[in-house]
Amino acid sequence: MSTWRQKALVSFPDLRGEFQRPDATIYTLFFELLPRCVEAHQNDDLFELEKIYAFAEWCMEQKAKDIWNAAAVSFYEHLPDHPRTLRDMAHWVTPQIFAQVESLLQWRMTPSAFEKLKAEFCNEQDQGFDDRHEKATRGRKRQPRFFRK
């Protein structure tokens, strides 16, 4: 079993049937995770958000192009499509990942919306990602066991 499937199985056991089908790919998994992420934002489900963003971040750190590309084009690129995920992106997406997907976001967004989002990531007076993330998670620093370093 591929590493991404193993990680997904630990984080999202309820989706086992979806990503263990022979025709399932990392891309199809992200197509399942994106609406789940939107719903978790709407419900302030911090535990689910932590799992989803941790998995997507792990994918972006992989050397295999199919893995990081799937996270970029099937997940991060579509976060601005939903008002709540767009609003919360700077709280959940690291500046490093933003830099990696910046051109995808710029291509999909209106110039003014993109500039506003970019300013959130680039503002020198911003508290920094760790502080923003802690505020978004209401101080809860818990991360799924599988993703702890």
Protein backbone atom coordinates (compact mmCIF):
# COMPACT_ATOMS: atom_id res chain seq x y z
CA MET A 1 0.00 0.00 0.00
CA SER A 2 1.36 3.41 -0.94
CA THR A 3 2.45 5.80 1.79
CA TRP A 4 -0.23 8.37 0.98
CA ARG A 5 -2.91 5.67 1.30
CA GLN A 6 -1.50 4.58 4.65
CA LYS A 7 -1.51 8.15 5.96
CA ALA A 8 -5.02 8.75 4.62
CA LEU A 9 -6.26 5.55 6.22
CA VAL A 10 -5.00 6.67 9.63
CA SER A 11 -6.42 10.18 9.31
CA PHE A 12 -9.66 9.42 7.48
CA PRO A 13 -10.70 5.83 8.25
CA ASP A 14 -14.29 6.58 7.25
CA LEU A 15 -13.09 7.17 3.67
CA ARG A 16 -11.37 3.79 3.45
CA GLY A 17 -13.75 2.56 0.76
CA GLU A 18 -13.16 5.65 -1.36
CA PHE A 19 -9.39 5.56 -1.54
CA GLN A 20 -8.91 1.80 -1.56
CA ARG A 21 -10.77 1.37 -4.84
CA PRO A 22 -8.41 0.28 -7.62
CA ASP A 23 -9.18 3.42 -9.64
CA ALA A 24 -8.67 5.77 -6.67
CA THR A 25 -5.80 8.24 -6.80
CA ILE A 26 -4.45 10.88 -4.50
CA TYR A 27 -6.42 13.34 -6.65
CA THR A 28 -9.72 11.58 -5.96
CA LEU A 29 -8.94 11.61 -2.26
CA PHE A 30 -8.50 15.38 -2.36
CA PHE A 31 -11.81 15.69 -4.23
CA GLU A 32 -13.35 14.00 -1.17
CA LEU A 33 -11.41 16.14 1.30
CA LEU A 34 -12.18 19.53 -0.20
CA PRO A 35 -15.94 19.55 0.54
CA ARG A 36 -15.17 18.00 3.90
CA CYS A 37 -12.80 20.90 4.58
CA VAL A 38 -15.43 23.45 3.59
CA GLU A 39 -17.94 21.82 5.91
CA ALA A 40 -15.41 21.68 8.75
CA HIS A 41 -14.78 25.41 8.34
CA GLN A 42 -18.51 26.11 8.42
CA ASN A 43 -18.92 23.98 11.56
CA ASP A 44 -15.72 25.20 13.25
CA ASP A 45 -14.63 21.57 13.46
CA LEU A 46 -11.03 22.21 14.47
CA PHE A 47 -10.09 18.56 14.83
CA GLU A 48 -11.21 17.78 11.28
CA LEU A 49 -9.50 20.90 9.95
CA GLU A 50 -6.26 19.90 11.66
CA LYS A 51 -6.39 16.46 10.06
CA ILE A 52 -7.14 17.75 6.58
CA TYR A 53 -4.58 20.55 6.56
CA ALA A 54 -1.91 18.33 8.14
CA PHE A 55 -2.44 15.71 5.43
CA ALA A 56 -2.35 18.33 2.66
CA GLU A 57 0.81 19.87 4.14
CA TRP A 58 2.44 16.44 4.35
CA CYS A 59 1.62 15.92 0.67
CA MET A 60 3.22 19.24 -0.26
CA GLU A 61 6.44 18.14 1.47
CA GLN A 62 6.78 14.95 -0.60
CA LYS A 63 9.29 14.58 -3.41
CA ALA A 64 6.92 12.63 -5.66
CA LYS A 65 5.30 15.09 -8.05
CA ASP A 66 1.99 13.21 -8.12
CA ILE A 67 1.62 13.70 -4.37
CA TRP A 68 2.46 17.40 -4.03
CA ASN A 69 0.77 18.28 -7.31
CA ALA A 70 -2.46 16.64 -6.17
CA ALA A 71 -2.48 18.70 -2.99
CA ALA A 72 -1.79 21.86 -4.98
CA VAL A 73 -4.31 21.47 -7.82
CA SER A 74 -7.02 19.41 -6.12
CA PHE A 75 -7.04 21.12 -2.74
CA TYR A 76 -5.15 24.38 -2.21
CA GLU A 77 -6.09 25.81 -5.60
CA HIS A 78 -9.79 25.43 -4.76
CA LEU A 79 -9.80 26.86 -1.23
CA PRO A 80 -10.57 30.39 -2.54
CA ASP A 81 -13.71 29.06 -4.26
CA HIS A 82 -15.52 29.08 -0.92
CA PRO A 83 -15.90 32.30 1.11
CA ARG A 84 -15.20 30.70 4.49
CA THR A 85 -12.11 28.78 3.40
CA LEU A 86 -10.81 31.87 1.62
CA ARG A 87 -11.33 33.94 4.75
CA ASP A 88 -9.48 31.41 6.91
CA MET A 89 -6.65 30.49 4.54
CA ALA A 90 -4.00 32.58 6.27
CA HIS A 91 -4.84 30.81 9.52
CA TRP A 92 -4.39 27.32 8.11
CA VAL A 93 -2.00 27.51 5.16
CA THR A 94 1.68 28.11 5.89
CA PRO A 95 3.45 30.95 4.10
CA GLN A 96 5.72 28.36 2.48
CA ILE A 97 2.77 26.51 0.95
CA PHE A 98 1.17 29.78 -0.10
CA ALA A 99 4.37 30.61 -1.99
CA GLN A 100 4.28 27.20 -3.67
CA VAL A 101 0.67 27.57 -4.87
CA GLU A 102 0.64 31.33 -5.38
CA SER A 103 0.57 31.15 -9.18
CA LEU A 104 -2.36 28.69 -9.12
CA LEU A 105 -4.31 30.97 -6.82
CA GLN A 106 -3.51 34.05 -8.88
CA TRP A 107 -4.76 32.30 -12.01
CA ARG A 108 -8.10 31.37 -10.39
CA MET A 109 -8.86 34.53 -8.43
CA THR A 110 -9.76 38.04 -9.43
CA PRO A 111 -6.78 40.39 -9.18
CA SER A 112 -8.24 42.31 -6.25
CA ALA A 113 -9.16 39.16 -4.29
CA PHE A 114 -5.72 37.69 -4.91
CA GLU A 115 -3.95 40.88 -3.80
CA LYS A 116 -6.02 40.94 -0.62
CA LEU A 117 -5.14 37.30 0.12
CA LYS A 118 -1.49 37.87 -0.69
CA ALA A 119 -1.42 40.84 1.67
CA GLU A 120 -2.61 38.59 4.48
CA PHE A 121 0.39 36.35 3.91
CA CYS A 122 2.90 39.14 3.24
CA ASN A 123 1.92 41.77 5.79
CA GLU A 124 5.06 42.55 7.75
CA GLN A 125 3.09 43.50 10.82
CA ASP A 126 1.26 40.21 10.90
CA GLN A 127 1.81 38.09 13.99
CA GLY A 128 3.27 35.17 12.03
CA PHE A 129 1.83 31.81 11.05
CA ASP A 130 2.21 30.07 14.40
CA ASP A 131 0.36 32.84 16.26
CA ARG A 132 -2.36 33.06 13.58
CA HIS A 133 -2.83 29.31 13.65
CA GLU A 134 -3.02 29.26 17.45
CA LYS A 135 -5.66 32.01 17.32
CA ALA A 136 -7.64 30.09 14.67
CA THR A 137 -7.56 26.94 16.77
CA ARG A 138 -8.37 28.89 19.93
CA GLY A 139 -5.02 28.00 21.46
CA ARG A 140 -5.44 24.29 20.89
CA LYS A 141 -2.15 22.94 19.56
CA ARG A 142 -3.22 19.34 19.25
CA GLN A 143 -2.25 17.66 16.02
CA PRO A 144 -3.31 14.20 14.87
CA ARG A 145 -0.95 11.60 16.34
CA PHE A 146 0.17 10.34 12.95
CA PHE A 147 1.44 13.76 11.87
CA ARG A 148 3.38 14.71 14.98
CA LYS A 149 7.07 15.20 14.34
